[in-house]
Amino acid sequence: MIFYDACQAGKSKHLPFYLSSRLSTHVLELVHCDIWGPSPTVTTSGYWYYIIFVDDYSRYCWLYPMKRRSDSFACFTTFKNMGENQFHQRLKLFQCDGVKELVKGVFLFLSRYQ
């Protein structure tokens, strides 16, 4: 299968990310996040969406299945607590693509006071 750059760029909602010269020096210094879904088929457990967290330093990925997009904040809280307990480090920077479920309400409150 051949993908043409112009066709793919035309279907994109955002411009591609530029290469960054920033290098993380330890785990949880920077975590990237993306939500995928809805899936064309539901799992047997009823999951339609997936949220993935990628640590910039280790490139380790955590994937959480979700039944609704609105479950994303609960998944973030679970991930954050697990990561900070496991690595004895605080999450410093969090990067997502502006998903409304993550940037509104309680998430804004939490991110301002860390």
C-alpha atoms as a PDB file:
ATOM      1  CA  MET A   1       0.000   0.000   0.000  1.00  0.00           C
ATOM      2  CA  ILE A   2       1.344   3.419  -0.957  1.00  0.00           C
ATOM      3  CA  PHE A   3       0.631   6.554   1.066  1.00  0.00           C
ATOM      4  CA  TYR A   4       1.003   9.890  -0.634  1.00  0.00           C
ATOM      5  CA  ASP A   5       2.211  12.700   1.634  1.00  0.00           C
ATOM      6  CA  ALA A   6      -0.157  15.282   0.150  1.00  0.00           C
ATOM      7  CA  CYS A   7      -3.168  12.994   0.655  1.00  0.00           C
ATOM      8  CA  GLN A   8      -2.229  12.228   4.239  1.00  0.00           C
ATOM      9  CA  ALA A   9      -1.504  15.892   5.025  1.00  0.00           C
ATOM     10  CA  GLY A  10      -4.873  16.853   3.559  1.00  0.00           C
ATOM     11  CA  LYS A  11      -6.644  14.468   5.925  1.00  0.00           C
ATOM     12  CA  SER A  12      -4.703  15.641   8.978  1.00  0.00           C
ATOM     13  CA  LYS A  13      -6.416  17.848  11.517  1.00  0.00           C
ATOM     14  CA  HIS A  14      -3.159  19.372  12.763  1.00  0.00           C
ATOM     15  CA  LEU A  15       0.208  20.174  11.279  1.00  0.00           C
ATOM     16  CA  PRO A  16       2.926  17.565  11.922  1.00  0.00           C
ATOM     17  CA  PHE A  17       5.126  17.960  14.972  1.00  0.00           C
ATOM     18  CA  TYR A  18       8.555  19.424  14.362  1.00  0.00           C
ATOM     19  CA  LEU A  19      11.687  17.696  15.587  1.00  0.00           C
ATOM     20  CA  SER A  20      12.607  18.828  19.056  1.00  0.00           C
ATOM     21  CA  SER A  21      16.084  19.307  20.439  1.00  0.00           C
ATOM     22  CA  ARG A  22      14.740  18.775  23.977  1.00  0.00           C
ATOM     23  CA  LEU A  23      16.075  15.655  25.663  1.00  0.00           C
ATOM     24  CA  SER A  24      14.552  14.204  28.799  1.00  0.00           C
ATOM     25  CA  THR A  25      17.037  13.252  31.491  1.00  0.00           C
ATOM     26  CA  HIS A  26      14.863  11.018  33.667  1.00  0.00           C
ATOM     27  CA  VAL A  27      11.614   9.065  33.780  1.00  0.00           C
ATOM     28  CA  LEU A  28       8.359  11.085  34.009  1.00  0.00           C
ATOM     29  CA  GLU A  29      10.075  14.339  33.109  1.00  0.00           C
ATOM     30  CA  LEU A  30       7.849  14.508  30.022  1.00  0.00           C
ATOM     31  CA  VAL A  31       4.916  12.240  29.182  1.00  0.00           C
ATOM     32  CA  HIS A  32       3.040  12.309  25.874  1.00  0.00           C
ATOM     33  CA  CYS A  33      -0.581  11.222  25.601  1.00  0.00           C
ATOM     34  CA  ASP A  34      -3.003  10.366  22.820  1.00  0.00           C
ATOM     35  CA  ILE A  35      -6.557   9.031  22.685  1.00  0.00           C
ATOM     36  CA  TRP A  36      -7.703   6.751  19.870  1.00  0.00           C
ATOM     37  CA  GLY A  37     -11.257   5.889  18.989  1.00  0.00           C
ATOM     38  CA  PRO A  38     -13.991   5.157  18.579  1.00  0.00           C
ATOM     39  CA  SER A  39     -12.949   1.770  17.349  1.00  0.00           C
ATOM     40  CA  PRO A  40     -14.869   0.364  14.381  1.00  0.00           C
ATOM     41  CA  THR A  41     -15.606  -2.695  16.539  1.00  0.00           C
ATOM     42  CA  VAL A  42     -16.209  -2.873  20.249  1.00  0.00           C
ATOM     43  CA  THR A  43     -14.240  -5.341  22.389  1.00  0.00           C
ATOM     44  CA  THR A  44     -16.036  -8.142  24.210  1.00  0.00           C
ATOM     45  CA  SER A  45     -15.621  -6.088  27.396  1.00  0.00           C
ATOM     46  CA  GLY A  46     -17.269  -3.046  25.798  1.00  0.00           C
ATOM     47  CA  TYR A  47     -14.220  -0.842  25.140  1.00  0.00           C
ATOM     48  CA  TRP A  48     -14.456   1.654  22.261  1.00  0.00           C
ATOM     49  CA  TYR A  49     -11.479   3.937  23.028  1.00  0.00           C
ATOM     50  CA  TYR A  50      -7.837   3.653  24.052  1.00  0.00           C
ATOM     51  CA  ILE A  51      -5.544   6.126  25.775  1.00  0.00           C
ATOM     52  CA  ILE A  52      -1.773   5.768  25.580  1.00  0.00           C
ATOM     53  CA  PHE A  53       0.894   7.421  27.718  1.00  0.00           C
ATOM     54  CA  VAL A  54       4.486   7.475  26.436  1.00  0.00           C
ATOM     55  CA  ASP A  55       7.424   8.411  28.656  1.00  0.00           C
ATOM     56  CA  ASP A  56       9.785  10.617  26.643  1.00  0.00           C
ATOM     57  CA  TYR A  57      12.940   9.379  28.401  1.00  0.00           C
ATOM     58  CA  SER A  58      12.408   5.608  28.381  1.00  0.00           C
ATOM     59  CA  ARG A  59       9.907   5.463  25.473  1.00  0.00           C
ATOM     60  CA  TYR A  60       7.908   3.050  27.622  1.00  0.00           C
ATOM     61  CA  CYS A  61       4.184   3.012  26.792  1.00  0.00           C
ATOM     62  CA  TRP A  62       1.130   2.417  28.947  1.00  0.00           C
ATOM     63  CA  LEU A  63      -2.167   1.668  27.217  1.00  0.00           C
ATOM     64  CA  TYR A  64      -5.554   1.871  28.923  1.00  0.00           C
ATOM     65  CA  PRO A  65      -8.797   0.742  27.249  1.00  0.00           C
ATOM     66  CA  MET A  66     -11.825   2.997  27.841  1.00  0.00           C
ATOM     67  CA  LYS A  67     -15.550   2.580  27.304  1.00  0.00           C
ATOM     68  CA  ARG A  68     -16.067   6.361  26.894  1.00  0.00           C
ATOM     69  CA  ARG A  69     -13.783   9.307  26.092  1.00  0.00           C
ATOM     70  CA  SER A  70     -14.918  10.840  29.348  1.00  0.00           C
ATOM     71  CA  ASP A  71     -12.989   8.062  31.158  1.00  0.00           C
ATOM     72  CA  SER A  72      -9.715   9.716  30.057  1.00  0.00           C
ATOM     73  CA  PHE A  73      -9.269  11.789  33.218  1.00  0.00           C
ATOM     74  CA  ALA A  74      -9.727   8.708  35.438  1.00  0.00           C
ATOM     75  CA  CYS A  75      -7.113   6.876  33.322  1.00  0.00           C
ATOM     76  CA  PHE A  76      -4.737   9.834  33.622  1.00  0.00           C
ATOM     77  CA  THR A  77      -5.144   9.877  37.406  1.00  0.00           C
ATOM     78  CA  THR A  78      -4.512   6.123  37.590  1.00  0.00           C
ATOM     79  CA  PHE A  79      -1.435   6.427  35.362  1.00  0.00           C
ATOM     80  CA  LYS A  80      -0.045   9.427  37.271  1.00  0.00           C
ATOM     81  CA  ASN A  81      -0.430   7.756  40.678  1.00  0.00           C
ATOM     82  CA  MET A  82       1.051   4.465  39.434  1.00  0.00           C
ATOM     83  CA  GLY A  83       4.013   6.153  37.731  1.00  0.00           C
ATOM     84  CA  GLU A  84       4.880   8.420  40.633  1.00  0.00           C
ATOM     85  CA  ASN A  85       4.690   5.532  43.119  1.00  0.00           C
ATOM     86  CA  GLN A  86       6.670   3.147  40.933  1.00  0.00           C
ATOM     87  CA  PHE A  87       9.475   5.538  39.966  1.00  0.00           C
ATOM     88  CA  HIS A  88       9.515   7.768  43.069  1.00  0.00           C
ATOM     89  CA  GLN A  89       9.438  10.774  40.735  1.00  0.00           C
ATOM     90  CA  ARG A  90       6.782  13.388  40.137  1.00  0.00           C
ATOM     91  CA  LEU A  91       5.323  13.875  36.683  1.00  0.00           C
ATOM     92  CA  LYS A  92       6.781  17.189  35.530  1.00  0.00           C
ATOM     93  CA  LEU A  93       5.452  17.870  32.023  1.00  0.00           C
ATOM     94  CA  PHE A  94       2.416  16.414  30.313  1.00  0.00           C
ATOM     95  CA  GLN A  95       1.791  16.834  26.587  1.00  0.00           C
ATOM     96  CA  CYS A  96      -1.463  16.022  24.838  1.00  0.00           C
ATOM     97  CA  ASP A  97      -3.155  17.235  21.687  1.00  0.00           C
ATOM     98  CA  GLY A  98      -5.780  19.354  23.431  1.00  0.00           C
ATOM     99  CA  VAL A  99      -8.324  16.616  24.094  1.00  0.00           C
ATOM    100  CA  LYS A 100     -11.232  18.443  25.709  1.00  0.00           C
ATOM    101  CA  GLU A 101     -11.799  15.688  28.285  1.00  0.00           C
ATOM    102  CA  LEU A 102      -8.246  16.183  29.586  1.00  0.00           C
ATOM    103  CA  VAL A 103      -7.929  19.956  29.461  1.00  0.00           C
ATOM    104  CA  LYS A 104     -11.168  21.072  31.057  1.00  0.00           C
ATOM    105  CA  GLY A 105     -12.478  21.179  34.586  1.00  0.00           C
ATOM    106  CA  VAL A 106     -10.638  19.175  37.218  1.00  0.00           C
ATOM    107  CA  PHE A 107      -7.612  18.540  34.987  1.00  0.00           C
ATOM    108  CA  LEU A 108      -6.931  22.276  34.714  1.00  0.00           C
ATOM    109  CA  PHE A 109      -7.255  22.613  38.473  1.00  0.00           C
ATOM    110  CA  LEU A 110      -4.890  19.697  39.072  1.00  0.00           C
ATOM    111  CA  SER A 111      -2.270  20.906  36.575  1.00  0.00           C
ATOM    112  CA  ARG A 112      -2.167  24.451  38.020  1.00  0.00           C
ATOM    113  CA  TYR A 113      -1.391  23.365  41.573  1.00  0.00           C
ATOM    114  CA  GLN A 114       1.230  20.670  41.148  1.00  0.00           C
END
